[in-house]
PDB file of N, CA and C in Angstrom:
ATOM      1  N   MET A   1     -68.161  61.926  26.035  1.00  0.00           N
ATOM      2  CA  MET A   1     -68.034  62.041  24.600  1.00  0.00           C
ATOM      3  C   MET A   1     -66.756  61.323  24.164  1.00  0.00           C
ATOM      4  N   GLN A   2     -66.739  60.840  22.942  1.00  0.00           N
ATOM      5  CA  GLN A   2     -65.615  60.048  22.466  1.00  0.00           C
ATOM      6  C   GLN A   2     -64.316  60.828  22.360  1.00  0.00           C
ATOM      7  N   ASP A   3     -64.398  62.136  22.194  1.00  0.00           N
ATOM      8  CA  ASP A   3     -63.171  62.913  22.050  1.00  0.00           C
ATOM      9  C   ASP A   3     -62.574  63.315  23.405  1.00  0.00           C
ATOM     10  N   LYS A   4     -63.154  62.856  24.495  1.00  0.00           N
ATOM     11  CA  LYS A   4     -62.664  63.155  25.846  1.00  0.00           C
ATOM     12  C   LYS A   4     -61.949  61.940  26.424  1.00  0.00           C
ATOM     13  N   ASP A   5     -61.001  62.189  27.297  1.00  0.00           N
ATOM     14  CA  ASP A   5     -60.243  61.125  27.948  1.00  0.00           C
ATOM     15  C   ASP A   5     -60.969  60.701  29.224  1.00  0.00           C
ATOM     16  N   CYS A   6     -62.099  60.028  29.046  1.00  0.00           N
ATOM     17  CA  CYS A   6     -62.923  59.693  30.199  1.00  0.00           C
ATOM     18  C   CYS A   6     -62.252  58.676  31.117  1.00  0.00           C
ATOM     19  N   GLN A   7     -61.438  57.782  30.575  1.00  0.00           N
ATOM     20  CA  GLN A   7     -60.802  56.776  31.423  1.00  0.00           C
ATOM     21  C   GLN A   7     -59.864  57.432  32.440  1.00  0.00           C
ATOM     22  N   ASN A   8     -59.032  58.359  31.999  1.00  0.00           N
ATOM     23  CA  ASN A   8     -58.132  59.021  32.941  1.00  0.00           C
ATOM     24  C   ASN A   8     -58.890  59.933  33.891  1.00  0.00           C
ATOM     25  N   PHE A   9     -59.946  60.590  33.406  1.00  0.00           N
ATOM     26  CA  PHE A   9     -60.775  61.412  34.281  1.00  0.00           C
ATOM     27  C   PHE A   9     -61.388  60.547  35.378  1.00  0.00           C
ATOM     28  N   LEU A  10     -61.937  59.397  34.991  1.00  0.00           N
ATOM     29  CA  LEU A  10     -62.552  58.504  35.968  1.00  0.00           C
ATOM     30  C   LEU A  10     -61.527  57.975  36.960  1.00  0.00           C
ATOM     31  N   LYS A  11     -60.311  57.697  36.512  1.00  0.00           N
ATOM     32  CA  LYS A  11     -59.249  57.265  37.428  1.00  0.00           C
ATOM     33  C   LYS A  11     -58.982  58.332  38.481  1.00  0.00           C
ATOM     34  N   GLU A  12     -59.035  59.588  38.074  1.00  0.00           N
ATOM     35  CA  GLU A  12     -58.770  60.699  38.992  1.00  0.00           C
ATOM     36  C   GLU A  12     -59.834  60.815  40.090  1.00  0.00           C
ATOM     37  N   ILE A  13     -61.077  60.506  39.758  1.00  0.00           N
ATOM     38  CA  ILE A  13     -62.153  60.673  40.735  1.00  0.00           C
ATOM     39  C   ILE A  13     -62.610  59.359  41.372  1.00  0.00           C
ATOM     40  N   ALA A  14     -62.060  58.237  40.948  1.00  0.00           N
ATOM     41  CA  ALA A  14     -62.533  56.921  41.383  1.00  0.00           C
ATOM     42  C   ALA A  14     -62.547  56.752  42.899  1.00  0.00           C
ATOM     43  N   ASP A  15     -61.512  57.230  43.574  1.00  0.00           N
ATOM     44  CA  ASP A  15     -61.469  57.032  45.023  1.00  0.00           C
ATOM     45  C   ASP A  15     -62.424  57.954  45.780  1.00  0.00           C
ATOM     46  N   GLN A  16     -63.070  58.876  45.073  1.00  0.00           N
ATOM     47  CA  GLN A  16     -64.036  59.787  45.687  1.00  0.00           C
ATOM     48  C   GLN A  16     -65.484  59.375  45.402  1.00  0.00           C
ATOM     49  N   CYS A  17     -65.678  58.336  44.586  1.00  0.00           N
ATOM     50  CA  CYS A  17     -67.024  57.953  44.144  1.00  0.00           C
ATOM     51  C   CYS A  17     -67.427  56.595  44.693  1.00  0.00           C
ATOM     52  N   ASP A  18     -68.659  56.529  45.145  1.00  0.00           N
ATOM     53  CA  ASP A  18     -69.230  55.261  45.589  1.00  0.00           C
ATOM     54  C   ASP A  18     -70.209  54.684  44.576  1.00  0.00           C
ATOM     55  N   TYR A  19     -70.776  55.559  43.764  1.00  0.00           N
ATOM     56  CA  TYR A  19     -71.812  55.124  42.833  1.00  0.00           C
ATOM     57  C   TYR A  19     -71.798  56.030  41.618  1.00  0.00           C
ATOM     58  N   PHE A  20     -72.069  55.456  40.466  1.00  0.00           N
ATOM     59  CA  PHE A  20     -72.027  56.211  39.227  1.00  0.00           C
ATOM     60  C   PHE A  20     -73.241  55.848  38.384  1.00  0.00           C
ATOM     61  N   TYR A  21     -73.902  56.855  37.849  1.00  0.00           N
ATOM     62  CA  TYR A  21     -75.034  56.643  36.940  1.00  0.00           C
ATOM     63  C   TYR A  21     -74.625  56.994  35.519  1.00  0.00           C
ATOM     64  N   ILE A  22     -75.130  56.220  34.581  1.00  0.00           N
ATOM     65  CA  ILE A  22     -74.892  56.473  33.164  1.00  0.00           C
ATOM     66  C   ILE A  22     -76.243  56.693  32.494  1.00  0.00           C
ATOM     67  N   ASN A  23     -76.335  57.773  31.755  1.00  0.00           N
ATOM     68  CA  ASN A  23     -77.561  58.106  31.027  1.00  0.00           C
ATOM     69  C   ASN A  23     -77.484  57.484  29.631  1.00  0.00           C
ATOM     70  N   SER A  24     -78.279  56.447  29.396  1.00  0.00           N
ATOM     71  CA  SER A  24     -78.241  55.769  28.090  1.00  0.00           C
ATOM     72  C   SER A  24     -78.983  56.554  27.014  1.00  0.00           C
ATOM     73  N   GLU A  25     -79.682  57.619  27.410  1.00  0.00           N
ATOM     74  CA  GLU A  25     -80.385  58.470  26.458  1.00  0.00           C
ATOM     75  C   GLU A  25     -79.407  59.217  25.547  1.00  0.00           C
ATOM     76  N   LEU A  26     -78.210  59.464  26.050  1.00  0.00           N
ATOM     77  CA  LEU A  26     -77.204  60.192  25.283  1.00  0.00           C
ATOM     78  C   LEU A  26     -76.468  59.215  24.376  1.00  0.00           C
ATOM     79  N   THR A  27     -76.943  59.102  23.152  1.00  0.00           N
ATOM     80  CA  THR A  27     -76.358  58.169  22.194  1.00  0.00           C
ATOM     81  C   THR A  27     -76.000  58.907  20.911  1.00  0.00           C
ATOM     82  N   GLY A  28     -75.246  58.261  20.086  1.00  0.00           N
ATOM     83  CA  GLY A  28     -74.867  58.845  18.811  1.00  0.00           C
ATOM     84  C   GLY A  28     -73.369  58.739  18.602  1.00  0.00           C
ATOM     85  N   HIS A  29     -72.923  59.187  17.467  1.00  0.00           N
ATOM     86  CA  HIS A  29     -71.528  59.006  17.093  1.00  0.00           C
ATOM     87  C   HIS A  29     -70.565  59.808  17.967  1.00  0.00           C
ATOM     88  N   LYS A  30     -71.035  60.819  18.685  1.00  0.00           N
ATOM     89  CA  LYS A  30     -70.164  61.626  19.540  1.00  0.00           C
ATOM     90  C   LYS A  30     -69.995  61.046  20.940  1.00  0.00           C
ATOM     91  N   PHE A  31     -70.897  60.160  21.335  1.00  0.00           N
ATOM     92  CA  PHE A  31     -70.919  59.669  22.710  1.00  0.00           C
ATOM     93  C   PHE A  31     -70.302  58.286  22.838  1.00  0.00           C
ATOM     94  N   VAL A  32     -69.676  58.046  23.991  1.00  0.00           N
ATOM     95  CA  VAL A  32     -69.202  56.711  24.335  1.00  0.00           C
ATOM     96  C   VAL A  32     -70.439  55.861  24.626  1.00  0.00           C
ATOM     97  N   GLU A  33     -70.447  54.641  24.131  1.00  0.00           N
ATOM     98  CA  GLU A  33     -71.585  53.752  24.382  1.00  0.00           C
ATOM     99  C   GLU A  33     -71.714  53.485  25.879  1.00  0.00           C
ATOM    100  N   ALA A  34     -72.944  53.451  26.366  1.00  0.00           N
ATOM    101  CA  ALA A  34     -73.210  53.282  27.793  1.00  0.00           C
ATOM    102  C   ALA A  34     -72.571  52.014  28.348  1.00  0.00           C
ATOM    103  N   ASN A  35     -72.671  50.899  27.631  1.00  0.00           N
ATOM    104  CA  ASN A  35     -72.085  49.644  28.116  1.00  0.00           C
ATOM    105  C   ASN A  35     -70.564  49.711  28.178  1.00  0.00           C
ATOM    106  N   ASP A  36     -69.937  50.394  27.225  1.00  0.00           N
ATOM    107  CA  ASP A  36     -68.487  50.551  27.249  1.00  0.00           C
ATOM    108  C   ASP A  36     -68.054  51.410  28.432  1.00  0.00           C
ATOM    109  N   LEU A  37     -68.794  52.472  28.689  1.00  0.00           N
ATOM    110  CA  LEU A  37     -68.489  53.329  29.827  1.00  0.00           C
ATOM    111  C   LEU A  37     -68.686  52.566  31.133  1.00  0.00           C
ATOM    112  N   ALA A  38     -69.731  51.767  31.218  1.00  0.00           N
ATOM    113  CA  ALA A  38     -69.982  50.964  32.420  1.00  0.00           C
ATOM    114  C   ALA A  38     -68.827  49.998  32.686  1.00  0.00           C
ATOM    115  N   LYS A  39     -68.298  49.379  31.654  1.00  0.00           N
ATOM    116  CA  LYS A  39     -67.158  48.466  31.830  1.00  0.00           C
ATOM    117  C   LYS A  39     -65.944  49.213  32.369  1.00  0.00           C
ATOM    118  N   THR A  40     -65.678  50.396  31.848  1.00  0.00           N
ATOM    119  CA  THR A  40     -64.562  51.205  32.324  1.00  0.00           C
ATOM    120  C   THR A  40     -64.749  51.546  33.798  1.00  0.00           C
ATOM    121  N   ILE A  41     -65.945  51.933  34.167  1.00  0.00           N
ATOM    122  CA  ILE A  41     -66.242  52.297  35.554  1.00  0.00           C
ATOM    123  C   ILE A  41     -66.129  51.084  36.472  1.00  0.00           C
ATOM    124  N   GLU A  42     -66.683  49.967  36.065  1.00  0.00           N
ATOM    125  CA  GLU A  42     -66.617  48.754  36.882  1.00  0.00           C
ATOM    126  C   GLU A  42     -65.182  48.264  37.047  1.00  0.00           C
ATOM    127  N   ASN A  43     -64.342  48.446  36.029  1.00  0.00           N
ATOM    128  CA  ASN A  43     -62.925  48.077  36.146  1.00  0.00           C
ATOM    129  C   ASN A  43     -62.203  48.913  37.199  1.00  0.00           C
ATOM    130  N   LEU A  44     -62.738  50.085  37.492  1.00  0.00           N
ATOM    131  CA  LEU A  44     -62.175  50.955  38.522  1.00  0.00           C
ATOM    132  C   LEU A  44     -62.791  50.669  39.894  1.00  0.00           C
ATOM    133  N   LYS A  45     -63.600  49.612  39.972  1.00  0.00           N
ATOM    134  CA  LYS A  45     -64.242  49.176  41.215  1.00  0.00           C
ATOM    135  C   LYS A  45     -65.249  50.187  41.753  1.00  0.00           C
ATOM    136  N   ILE A  46     -65.954  50.850  40.835  1.00  0.00           N
ATOM    137  CA  ILE A  46     -67.023  51.771  41.208  1.00  0.00           C
ATOM    138  C   ILE A  46     -68.350  51.126  40.795  1.00  0.00           C
ATOM    139  N   ASN A  47     -69.309  51.115  41.697  1.00  0.00           N
ATOM    140  CA  ASN A  47     -70.641  50.623  41.358  1.00  0.00           C
ATOM    141  C   ASN A  47     -71.278  51.582  40.365  1.00  0.00           C
ATOM    142  N   CYS A  48     -71.944  51.032  39.372  1.00  0.00           N
ATOM    143  CA  CYS A  48     -72.616  51.902  38.406  1.00  0.00           C
ATOM    144  C   CYS A  48     -73.908  51.265  37.918  1.00  0.00           C
ATOM    145  N   GLN A  49     -74.738  52.116  37.364  1.00  0.00           N
ATOM    146  CA  GLN A  49     -76.035  51.678  36.846  1.00  0.00           C
ATOM    147  C   GLN A  49     -76.344  52.493  35.601  1.00  0.00           C
ATOM    148  N   ILE A  50     -76.825  51.818  34.579  1.00  0.00           N
ATOM    149  CA  ILE A  50     -77.272  52.482  33.359  1.00  0.00           C
ATOM    150  C   ILE A  50     -78.778  52.670  33.462  1.00  0.00           C
ATOM    151  N   LEU A  51     -79.215  53.922  33.313  1.00  0.00           N
ATOM    152  CA  LEU A  51     -80.643  54.224  33.335  1.00  0.00           C
ATOM    153  C   LEU A  51     -81.005  54.985  32.062  1.00  0.00           C
ATOM    154  N   PRO A  52     -82.290  54.965  31.662  1.00  0.00           N
ATOM    155  CA  PRO A  52     -82.670  55.450  30.332  1.00  0.00           C
ATOM    156  C   PRO A  52     -82.702  56.961  30.136  1.00  0.00           C
ATOM    157  N   ASN A  53     -82.759  57.742  31.222  1.00  0.00           N
ATOM    158  CA  ASN A  53     -82.857  59.192  31.052  1.00  0.00           C
ATOM    159  C   ASN A  53     -82.578  59.905  32.368  1.00  0.00           C
ATOM    160  N   PHE A  54     -82.536  61.241  32.284  1.00  0.00           N
ATOM    161  CA  PHE A  54     -82.261  62.042  33.469  1.00  0.00           C
ATOM    162  C   PHE A  54     -83.297  61.817  34.566  1.00  0.00           C
ATOM    163  N   SER A  55     -84.557  61.774  34.203  1.00  0.00           N
ATOM    164  CA  SER A  55     -85.614  61.606  35.205  1.00  0.00           C
ATOM    165  C   SER A  55     -85.432  60.328  36.006  1.00  0.00           C
ATOM    166  N   ALA A  56     -85.118  59.244  35.337  1.00  0.00           N
ATOM    167  CA  ALA A  56     -84.901  57.968  36.031  1.00  0.00           C
ATOM    168  C   ALA A  56     -83.689  58.054  36.957  1.00  0.00           C
ATOM    169  N   ILE A  57     -82.639  58.712  36.504  1.00  0.00           N
ATOM    170  CA  ILE A  57     -81.440  58.869  37.334  1.00  0.00           C
ATOM    171  C   ILE A  57     -81.758  59.710  38.566  1.00  0.00           C
ATOM    172  N   PHE A  58     -82.418  60.844  38.367  1.00  0.00           N
ATOM    173  CA  PHE A  58     -82.729  61.718  39.493  1.00  0.00           C
ATOM    174  C   PHE A  58     -83.661  61.037  40.484  1.00  0.00           C
ATOM    175  N   SER A  59     -84.611  60.289  39.984  1.00  0.00           N
ATOM    176  CA  SER A  59     -85.525  59.558  40.850  1.00  0.00           C
ATOM    177  C   SER A  59     -84.760  58.533  41.687  1.00  0.00           C
ATOM    178  N   ASP A  60     -83.848  57.811  41.058  1.00  0.00           N
ATOM    179  CA  ASP A  60     -83.075  56.811  41.783  1.00  0.00           C
ATOM    180  C   ASP A  60     -82.171  57.458  42.829  1.00  0.00           C
ATOM    181  N   ILE A  61     -81.549  58.581  42.485  1.00  0.00           N
ATOM    182  CA  ILE A  61     -80.713  59.307  43.452  1.00  0.00           C
ATOM    183  C   ILE A  61     -81.557  59.692  44.674  1.00  0.00           C
ATOM    184  N   ASN A  62     -82.727  60.246  44.422  1.00  0.00           N
ATOM    185  CA  ASN A  62     -83.595  60.669  45.526  1.00  0.00           C
ATOM    186  C   ASN A  62     -84.048  59.498  46.385  1.00  0.00           C
ATOM    187  N   GLN A  63     -84.343  58.367  45.779  1.00  0.00           N
ATOM    188  CA  GLN A  63     -84.775  57.192  46.545  1.00  0.00           C
ATOM    189  C   GLN A  63     -83.607  56.547  47.288  1.00  0.00           C
ATOM    190  N   ARG A  64     -82.498  56.379  46.608  1.00  0.00           N
ATOM    191  CA  ARG A  64     -81.356  55.660  47.165  1.00  0.00           C
ATOM    192  C   ARG A  64     -80.639  56.465  48.252  1.00  0.00           C
ATOM    193  N   PHE A  65     -80.552  57.763  48.081  1.00  0.00           N
ATOM    194  CA  PHE A  65     -79.707  58.566  48.957  1.00  0.00           C
ATOM    195  C   PHE A  65     -80.455  59.610  49.779  1.00  0.00           C
ATOM    196  N   SER A  66     -81.774  59.568  49.812  1.00  0.00           N
ATOM    197  CA  SER A  66     -82.535  60.613  50.495  1.00  0.00           C
ATOM    198  C   SER A  66     -82.333  60.610  52.007  1.00  0.00           C
ATOM    199  N   GLN A  67     -81.991  59.492  52.575  1.00  0.00           N
ATOM    200  CA  GLN A  67     -81.839  59.394  54.030  1.00  0.00           C
ATOM    201  C   GLN A  67     -80.418  59.679  54.503  1.00  0.00           C
ATOM    202  N   THR A  68     -79.532  60.001  53.590  1.00  0.00           N
ATOM    203  CA  THR A  68     -78.141  60.252  53.964  1.00  0.00           C
ATOM    204  C   THR A  68     -77.690  61.594  53.410  1.00  0.00           C
ATOM    205  N   ASN A  69     -76.619  62.083  53.949  1.00  0.00           N
ATOM    206  CA  ASN A  69     -76.052  63.345  53.499  1.00  0.00           C
ATOM    207  C   ASN A  69     -74.943  63.028  52.501  1.00  0.00           C
ATOM    208  N   ASN A  70     -75.238  63.137  51.215  1.00  0.00           N
ATOM    209  CA  ASN A  70     -74.289  62.774  50.172  1.00  0.00           C
ATOM    210  C   ASN A  70     -74.021  63.951  49.247  1.00  0.00           C
ATOM    211  N   LEU A  71     -72.898  63.880  48.621  1.00  0.00           N
ATOM    212  CA  LEU A  71     -72.519  64.839  47.603  1.00  0.00           C
ATOM    213  C   LEU A  71     -72.790  64.203  46.241  1.00  0.00           C
ATOM    214  N   VAL A  72     -73.469  64.928  45.374  1.00  0.00           N
ATOM    215  CA  VAL A  72     -73.744  64.447  44.026  1.00  0.00           C
ATOM    216  C   VAL A  72     -72.855  65.222  43.072  1.00  0.00           C
ATOM    217  N   LEU A  73     -72.034  64.518  42.334  1.00  0.00           N
ATOM    218  CA  LEU A  73     -71.156  65.114  41.328  1.00  0.00           C
ATOM    219  C   LEU A  73     -71.722  64.774  39.963  1.00  0.00           C
ATOM    220  N   ILE A  74     -71.992  65.789  39.168  1.00  0.00           N
ATOM    221  CA  ILE A  74     -72.516  65.575  37.826  1.00  0.00           C
ATOM    222  C   ILE A  74     -71.415  65.921  36.844  1.00  0.00           C
ATOM    223  N   THR A  75     -71.048  64.965  36.020  1.00  0.00           N
ATOM    224  CA  THR A  75     -70.018  65.194  35.010  1.00  0.00           C
ATOM    225  C   THR A  75     -70.613  64.941  33.642  1.00  0.00           C
ATOM    226  N   GLY A  76     -69.955  65.417  32.651  1.00  0.00           N
ATOM    227  CA  GLY A  76     -70.400  65.146  31.287  1.00  0.00           C
ATOM    228  C   GLY A  76     -70.724  66.404  30.523  1.00  0.00           C
ATOM    229  N   SER A  77     -71.547  67.255  31.105  1.00  0.00           N
ATOM    230  CA  SER A  77     -71.881  68.491  30.418  1.00  0.00           C
ATOM    231  C   SER A  77     -72.640  69.421  31.346  1.00  0.00           C
ATOM    232  N   LEU A  78     -72.634  70.682  31.008  1.00  0.00           N
ATOM    233  CA  LEU A  78     -73.434  71.647  31.757  1.00  0.00           C
ATOM    234  C   LEU A  78     -74.920  71.371  31.567  1.00  0.00           C
ATOM    235  N   TYR A  79     -75.295  70.794  30.423  1.00  0.00           N
ATOM    236  CA  TYR A  79     -76.680  70.433  30.179  1.00  0.00           C
ATOM    237  C   TYR A  79     -77.171  69.459  31.246  1.00  0.00           C
ATOM    238  N   GLN A  80     -76.360  68.443  31.564  1.00  0.00           N
ATOM    239  CA  GLN A  80     -76.746  67.480  32.589  1.00  0.00           C
ATOM    240  C   GLN A  80     -76.867  68.147  33.948  1.00  0.00           C
ATOM    241  N   ALA A  81     -75.934  69.013  34.271  1.00  0.00           N
ATOM    242  CA  ALA A  81     -75.981  69.713  35.553  1.00  0.00           C
ATOM    243  C   ALA A  81     -77.229  70.582  35.650  1.00  0.00           C
ATOM    244  N   SER A  82     -77.555  71.306  34.584  1.00  0.00           N
ATOM    245  CA  SER A  82     -78.736  72.177  34.631  1.00  0.00           C
ATOM    246  C   SER A  82     -80.009  71.360  34.763  1.00  0.00           C
ATOM    247  N   GLU A  83     -80.080  70.207  34.106  1.00  0.00           N
ATOM    248  CA  GLU A  83     -81.253  69.342  34.234  1.00  0.00           C
ATOM    249  C   GLU A  83     -81.419  68.877  35.678  1.00  0.00           C
ATOM    250  N   PHE A  84     -80.323  68.489  36.309  1.00  0.00           N
ATOM    251  CA  PHE A  84     -80.376  68.050  37.703  1.00  0.00           C
ATOM    252  C   PHE A  84     -80.863  69.183  38.606  1.00  0.00           C
ATOM    253  N   LEU A  85     -80.299  70.373  38.425  1.00  0.00           N
ATOM    254  CA  LEU A  85     -80.679  71.510  39.252  1.00  0.00           C
ATOM    255  C   LEU A  85     -82.149  71.868  39.078  1.00  0.00           C
ATOM    256  N   LEU A  86     -82.636  71.858  37.850  1.00  0.00           N
ATOM    257  CA  LEU A  86     -84.038  72.151  37.590  1.00  0.00           C
ATOM    258  C   LEU A  86     -84.951  71.097  38.197  1.00  0.00           C
ATOM    259  N   GLU A  87     -84.561  69.842  38.050  1.00  0.00           N
ATOM    260  CA  GLU A  87     -85.374  68.730  38.573  1.00  0.00           C
ATOM    261  C   GLU A  87     -85.472  68.788  40.094  1.00  0.00           C
ATOM    262  N   ASN A  88     -84.443  69.298  40.742  1.00  0.00           N
ATOM    263  CA  ASN A  88     -84.394  69.317  42.205  1.00  0.00           C
ATOM    264  C   ASN A  88     -84.630  70.703  42.795  1.00  0.00           C
ATOM    265  N   ASN A  89     -85.219  71.590  41.997  1.00  0.00           N
ATOM    266  CA  ASN A  89     -85.578  72.933  42.449  1.00  0.00           C
ATOM    267  C   ASN A  89     -84.421  73.678  43.118  1.00  0.00           C
ATOM    268  N   CYS A  90     -83.256  73.570  42.544  1.00  0.00           N
ATOM    269  CA  CYS A  90     -82.066  74.257  43.088  1.00  0.00           C
ATOM    270  C   CYS A  90     -81.844  75.581  42.400  1.00  0.00           C
TER     271      CYS A  90
END
């Protein structure tokens, strides 16, 4: 969201992240534009991908990382975390 200090937050977690997904479905005057957020993330040398919704993100996570033991960190809101948990039967 625009009222959050996402750049400093991302700096704090950058060395712990290998990949970052951006949900472009979350738009509006309260949200940081997906392309702007992607530029910030890429400047921190983190790979990222913009996808259109939670389902696409969860599907990509399952395909890309299903053969490895990875930690998934969901940031942004409890709504996003609950969607992930529901989608993955957690």
